[in-house]
N, C-alpha and C. Protein backbone atom coordinates (compact mmCIF):
# COMPACT_ATOMS: atom_id res chain seq x y z
N MET A 1 -20.23 -23.74 14.36
CA MET A 1 -19.66 -22.67 14.35
C MET A 1 -19.86 -21.49 13.22
N LYS A 2 -20.23 -20.67 13.67
CA LYS A 2 -20.67 -19.30 12.88
C LYS A 2 -18.91 -17.95 12.62
N LYS A 3 -18.59 -18.26 11.49
CA LYS A 3 -17.59 -17.15 11.34
C LYS A 3 -17.93 -15.83 11.68
N ASN A 4 -16.96 -15.29 12.16
CA ASN A 4 -17.32 -13.72 12.48
C ASN A 4 -17.37 -12.67 11.13
N ASN A 5 -18.42 -12.29 10.57
CA ASN A 5 -17.92 -11.38 9.33
C ASN A 5 -18.21 -10.03 9.98
N SER A 6 -17.45 -9.29 9.30
CA SER A 6 -17.13 -7.98 9.95
C SER A 6 -18.19 -6.70 9.11
N PHE A 7 -18.13 -7.58 8.12
CA PHE A 7 -18.93 -6.95 7.04
C PHE A 7 -20.72 -7.03 7.13
N GLU A 8 -21.11 -7.44 8.44
CA GLU A 8 -22.71 -7.49 8.57
C GLU A 8 -22.56 -6.11 9.28
N ASN A 9 -21.96 -5.38 9.81
CA ASN A 9 -22.47 -4.10 10.83
C ASN A 9 -22.18 -3.16 10.14
N LYS A 10 -21.58 -3.08 8.55
CA LYS A 10 -21.89 -1.89 7.67
C LYS A 10 -22.90 -1.88 7.09
N SER A 11 -23.19 -0.55 6.51
CA SER A 11 -24.32 -0.54 5.34
C SER A 11 -24.11 -0.97 4.07
N LEU A 12 -24.65 -0.94 3.28
CA LEU A 12 -24.69 -1.05 2.23
C LEU A 12 -23.67 -0.10 1.28
N GLU A 13 -23.67 1.11 1.44
CA GLU A 13 -23.36 2.39 0.97
C GLU A 13 -21.61 2.10 1.29
N GLU A 14 -21.53 1.57 2.76
CA GLU A 14 -20.23 1.61 2.94
C GLU A 14 -19.19 0.44 2.51
N LEU A 15 -20.04 -0.77 1.95
CA LEU A 15 -19.57 -1.88 1.99
C LEU A 15 -19.35 -2.02 0.64
N LYS A 16 -19.71 -1.12 -0.22
CA LYS A 16 -19.75 -0.45 -1.96
C LYS A 16 -18.83 0.28 -1.50
N ALA A 17 -18.30 1.32 -1.07
CA ALA A 17 -16.89 2.00 -1.02
C ALA A 17 -15.79 1.21 -0.45
N THR A 18 -16.18 -0.02 0.63
CA THR A 18 -15.05 -0.33 0.65
C THR A 18 -14.50 -1.69 -0.14
N LYS A 19 -15.46 -2.15 -0.87
CA LYS A 19 -14.99 -3.04 -2.43
C LYS A 19 -14.32 -2.01 -2.95
N ALA A 20 -14.79 -1.11 -3.63
CA ALA A 20 -14.02 -0.03 -4.50
C ALA A 20 -12.62 -0.02 -3.92
N LYS A 21 -12.36 0.57 -2.92
CA LYS A 21 -11.08 0.86 -2.04
C LYS A 21 -10.35 -0.17 -2.23
N TYR A 22 -10.73 -1.63 -1.86
CA TYR A 22 -9.61 -2.97 -2.09
C TYR A 22 -9.97 -2.99 -3.41
N GLN A 23 -10.36 -2.77 -4.37
CA GLN A 23 -10.27 -2.94 -5.92
C GLN A 23 -9.03 -2.01 -5.87
N LYS A 24 -8.95 -0.87 -5.81
CA LYS A 24 -7.87 -0.14 -6.36
C LYS A 24 -6.66 -0.43 -5.85
N ILE A 25 -6.72 -0.57 -4.27
CA ILE A 25 -5.78 -1.18 -3.89
C ILE A 25 -4.91 -2.51 -4.55
N SER A 26 -5.71 -3.25 -4.78
CA SER A 26 -4.99 -4.69 -5.59
C SER A 26 -5.11 -4.52 -7.33
N ALA A 27 -5.68 -3.46 -7.71
CA ALA A 27 -5.16 -3.23 -9.15
C ALA A 27 -3.58 -2.61 -8.82
N ALA A 28 -3.50 -1.91 -7.90
CA ALA A 28 -2.16 -1.28 -7.81
C ALA A 28 -0.95 -1.69 -7.13
N VAL A 29 -1.50 -2.55 -6.09
CA VAL A 29 -0.36 -3.69 -6.00
C VAL A 29 0.16 -4.63 -6.86
N ALA A 30 -1.18 -4.73 -7.81
CA ALA A 30 -0.95 -6.26 -8.76
C ALA A 30 -0.03 -5.39 -10.24
N GLY A 31 -0.12 -3.96 -10.14
CA GLY A 31 0.95 -3.14 -11.21
C GLY A 31 1.85 -3.40 -10.62
N LEU A 32 2.60 -2.84 -9.75
CA LEU A 32 3.71 -3.19 -8.81
C LEU A 32 4.53 -4.58 -9.14
N MET A 33 3.26 -5.34 -8.80
CA MET A 33 4.06 -6.82 -8.62
C MET A 33 4.39 -7.36 -9.99
N THR A 34 3.46 -6.75 -11.00
CA THR A 34 3.87 -6.82 -12.62
C THR A 34 5.28 -6.48 -12.70
N VAL A 35 5.35 -5.14 -12.66
CA VAL A 35 6.89 -4.25 -12.89
C VAL A 35 7.66 -5.75 -11.99
N ALA A 36 7.81 -5.77 -10.63
CA ALA A 36 8.43 -6.37 -10.36
C ALA A 36 9.13 -7.90 -10.67
N ILE A 37 7.87 -8.53 -11.16
CA ILE A 37 8.41 -9.96 -11.64
C ILE A 37 8.82 -9.91 -12.96
N ILE A 38 8.59 -8.82 -14.19
CA ILE A 38 9.38 -8.54 -15.01
C ILE A 38 10.92 -8.66 -14.70
N PHE A 39 11.63 -7.57 -13.82
CA PHE A 39 12.71 -7.14 -13.52
C PHE A 39 12.96 -8.23 -12.51
N ILE A 40 12.63 -9.28 -11.85
CA ILE A 40 13.31 -10.39 -11.37
C ILE A 40 13.51 -11.56 -12.33
N VAL A 41 12.58 -11.37 -13.40
CA VAL A 41 12.59 -12.63 -14.54
C VAL A 41 13.72 -11.94 -15.57
N TYR A 42 13.79 -10.72 -15.43
CA TYR A 42 15.24 -10.21 -16.75
C TYR A 42 16.88 -10.21 -15.86
N VAL A 43 16.45 -9.85 -14.89
CA VAL A 43 17.63 -10.41 -13.43
C VAL A 43 18.05 -11.65 -13.34
N ALA A 44 16.90 -12.63 -13.91
CA ALA A 44 17.48 -14.05 -13.21
C ALA A 44 17.68 -14.50 -15.00
N ILE A 45 17.69 -14.10 -15.83
CA ILE A 45 18.03 -14.21 -17.09
C ILE A 45 18.93 -13.81 -17.48
N THR A 46 19.77 -12.63 -17.00
CA THR A 46 21.08 -11.95 -17.81
C THR A 46 21.68 -13.03 -16.77
N THR A 47 21.86 -12.71 -15.31
CA THR A 47 22.97 -13.30 -14.68
C THR A 47 23.05 -14.61 -14.72
N LYS A 48 21.86 -15.73 -14.76
CA LYS A 48 21.91 -17.19 -15.11
C LYS A 48 21.70 -17.43 -13.49
N ASN A 49 21.17 -16.19 -12.71
CA ASN A 49 21.11 -17.10 -11.51
C ASN A 49 19.35 -17.47 -11.53
N TRP A 50 18.70 -18.86 -11.20
CA TRP A 50 17.73 -19.20 -11.67
C TRP A 50 16.91 -19.19 -10.07
N GLY A 51 17.79 -19.27 -8.92
CA GLY A 51 17.34 -19.20 -7.33
C GLY A 51 16.62 -18.02 -7.51
N GLN A 52 16.56 -16.99 -8.05
CA GLN A 52 15.78 -15.74 -7.73
C GLN A 52 14.35 -15.63 -8.23
N LEU A 53 14.47 -16.88 -9.18
CA LEU A 53 13.17 -16.74 -9.21
C LEU A 53 11.83 -17.49 -8.06
N GLY A 54 12.54 -18.06 -7.32
CA GLY A 54 12.27 -18.77 -6.13
C GLY A 54 11.25 -17.19 -5.39
N THR A 55 11.56 -16.42 -5.98
CA THR A 55 11.13 -15.09 -5.30
C THR A 55 9.76 -14.95 -5.92
N LEU A 56 9.31 -15.36 -6.84
CA LEU A 56 8.18 -14.92 -7.30
C LEU A 56 6.86 -15.82 -6.69
N GLY A 57 7.01 -16.58 -5.55
CA GLY A 57 6.48 -16.95 -4.60
C GLY A 57 5.51 -16.04 -3.51
N VAL A 58 5.85 -14.89 -3.92
CA VAL A 58 5.22 -13.77 -3.23
C VAL A 58 3.66 -13.43 -3.70
N ILE A 59 3.98 -13.49 -4.75
CA ILE A 59 2.01 -13.31 -5.46
C ILE A 59 1.17 -13.91 -4.42
N GLY A 60 1.43 -15.29 -3.94
CA GLY A 60 0.50 -15.74 -3.03
C GLY A 60 0.05 -14.53 -1.76
N THR A 61 0.71 -13.40 -1.40
CA THR A 61 0.24 -12.93 -0.51
C THR A 61 -0.74 -11.81 -0.67
N LEU A 62 -1.66 -11.45 -2.39
CA LEU A 62 -2.32 -10.94 -2.65
C LEU A 62 -3.90 -11.94 -2.45
N LEU A 63 -3.27 -13.15 -1.69
CA LEU A 63 -4.68 -13.96 -1.74
C LEU A 63 -5.40 -13.03 -0.91
N PRO A 64 -5.08 -12.59 0.25
CA PRO A 64 -5.97 -12.30 1.49
C PRO A 64 -7.05 -11.29 0.79
N LEU A 65 -6.65 -10.63 0.09
CA LEU A 65 -6.98 -9.37 -0.26
C LEU A 65 -7.73 -9.40 -1.34
N PHE A 66 -7.80 -10.59 -2.14
CA PHE A 66 -8.92 -11.22 -3.07
C PHE A 66 -10.15 -11.94 -2.53
N ILE A 67 -10.08 -12.46 -1.56
CA ILE A 67 -10.76 -13.25 -0.58
C ILE A 67 -11.75 -12.12 0.17
N SER A 68 -11.12 -11.09 0.53
CA SER A 68 -12.28 -9.88 1.35
C SER A 68 -13.04 -9.62 0.23
N ILE A 69 -12.15 -9.45 -1.21
CA ILE A 69 -13.32 -8.56 -2.38
C ILE A 69 -14.34 -9.74 -2.33
N GLN A 70 -14.17 -10.89 -2.54
CA GLN A 70 -15.25 -11.98 -3.22
C GLN A 70 -15.61 -11.88 -1.68
N ASN A 71 -15.85 -11.54 -0.56
CA ASN A 71 -16.98 -11.69 0.84
C ASN A 71 -17.70 -10.82 0.74
N LEU A 72 -17.15 -9.19 0.42
CA LEU A 72 -17.59 -8.17 -0.26
C LEU A 72 -18.62 -8.44 -1.12
N ASP A 73 -18.25 -8.53 -2.10
CA ASP A 73 -18.87 -9.29 -2.86
C ASP A 73 -20.72 -9.93 -2.79
N LYS A 74 -20.24 -11.41 -1.78
CA LYS A 74 -21.21 -12.06 -1.64
C LYS A 74 -22.16 -11.20 -0.12
N GLU A 75 -21.43 -10.71 0.22
CA GLU A 75 -22.23 -9.79 0.99
C GLU A 75 -23.65 -8.53 0.69
N ILE A 76 -22.65 -7.90 -1.03
CA ILE A 76 -23.68 -6.99 -1.26
C ILE A 76 -24.62 -7.57 -2.24
N LYS A 77 -24.31 -8.88 -2.78
CA LYS A 77 -25.19 -9.66 -3.25
C LYS A 77 -26.76 -9.86 -2.11
N ARG A 78 -26.08 -10.54 -1.12
CA ARG A 78 -27.01 -10.63 -0.03
C ARG A 78 -28.12 -9.72 -0.06
N ARG A 79 -27.45 -8.81 0.24
CA ARG A 79 -27.91 -7.47 0.51
C ARG A 79 -29.46 -7.11 -0.44
N GLU A 80 -28.72 -7.37 -1.41
CA GLU A 80 -29.14 -6.55 -2.87
C GLU A 80 -30.71 -7.16 -2.73
N GLN A 81 -30.91 -8.79 -2.71
CA GLN A 81 -31.68 -9.70 -3.38
C GLN A 81 -32.72 -9.44 -1.81
N ASN A 82 -32.16 -9.31 -0.56
CA ASN A 82 -32.95 -8.95 0.45
C ASN A 82 -33.63 -8.09 0.08
N ASN A 83 -33.58 -6.58 -1.07
CA ASN A 83 -34.05 -5.51 -0.95
C ASN A 83 -35.19 -5.65 -1.98
C-alpha cells in the first residue's frame, strides 16, 4: 500500500518555501520549549517536587514536525536529482 504524500502535488519552489516555514516554526517552538524546560527544572529543584519533571515528556510533540521536515528534504532531493 502506497502512503499518501501531499508534497508530490507541490512545485519545487513551494516545497522549499514550506520547508523554510517549518524550520522557522520548529526553531521558535524549540526556543520556547528550552525556556520552559529550564523553568520547570528550576521550579522542581527549588520546591523539591520531582514529579514536575514528568512534564518534560512534552518534547515528543515536536516529532511530527521534524518528520515533516525530513519528508520535505527527501522530496526536494528526489526532484533535484531528476532535473
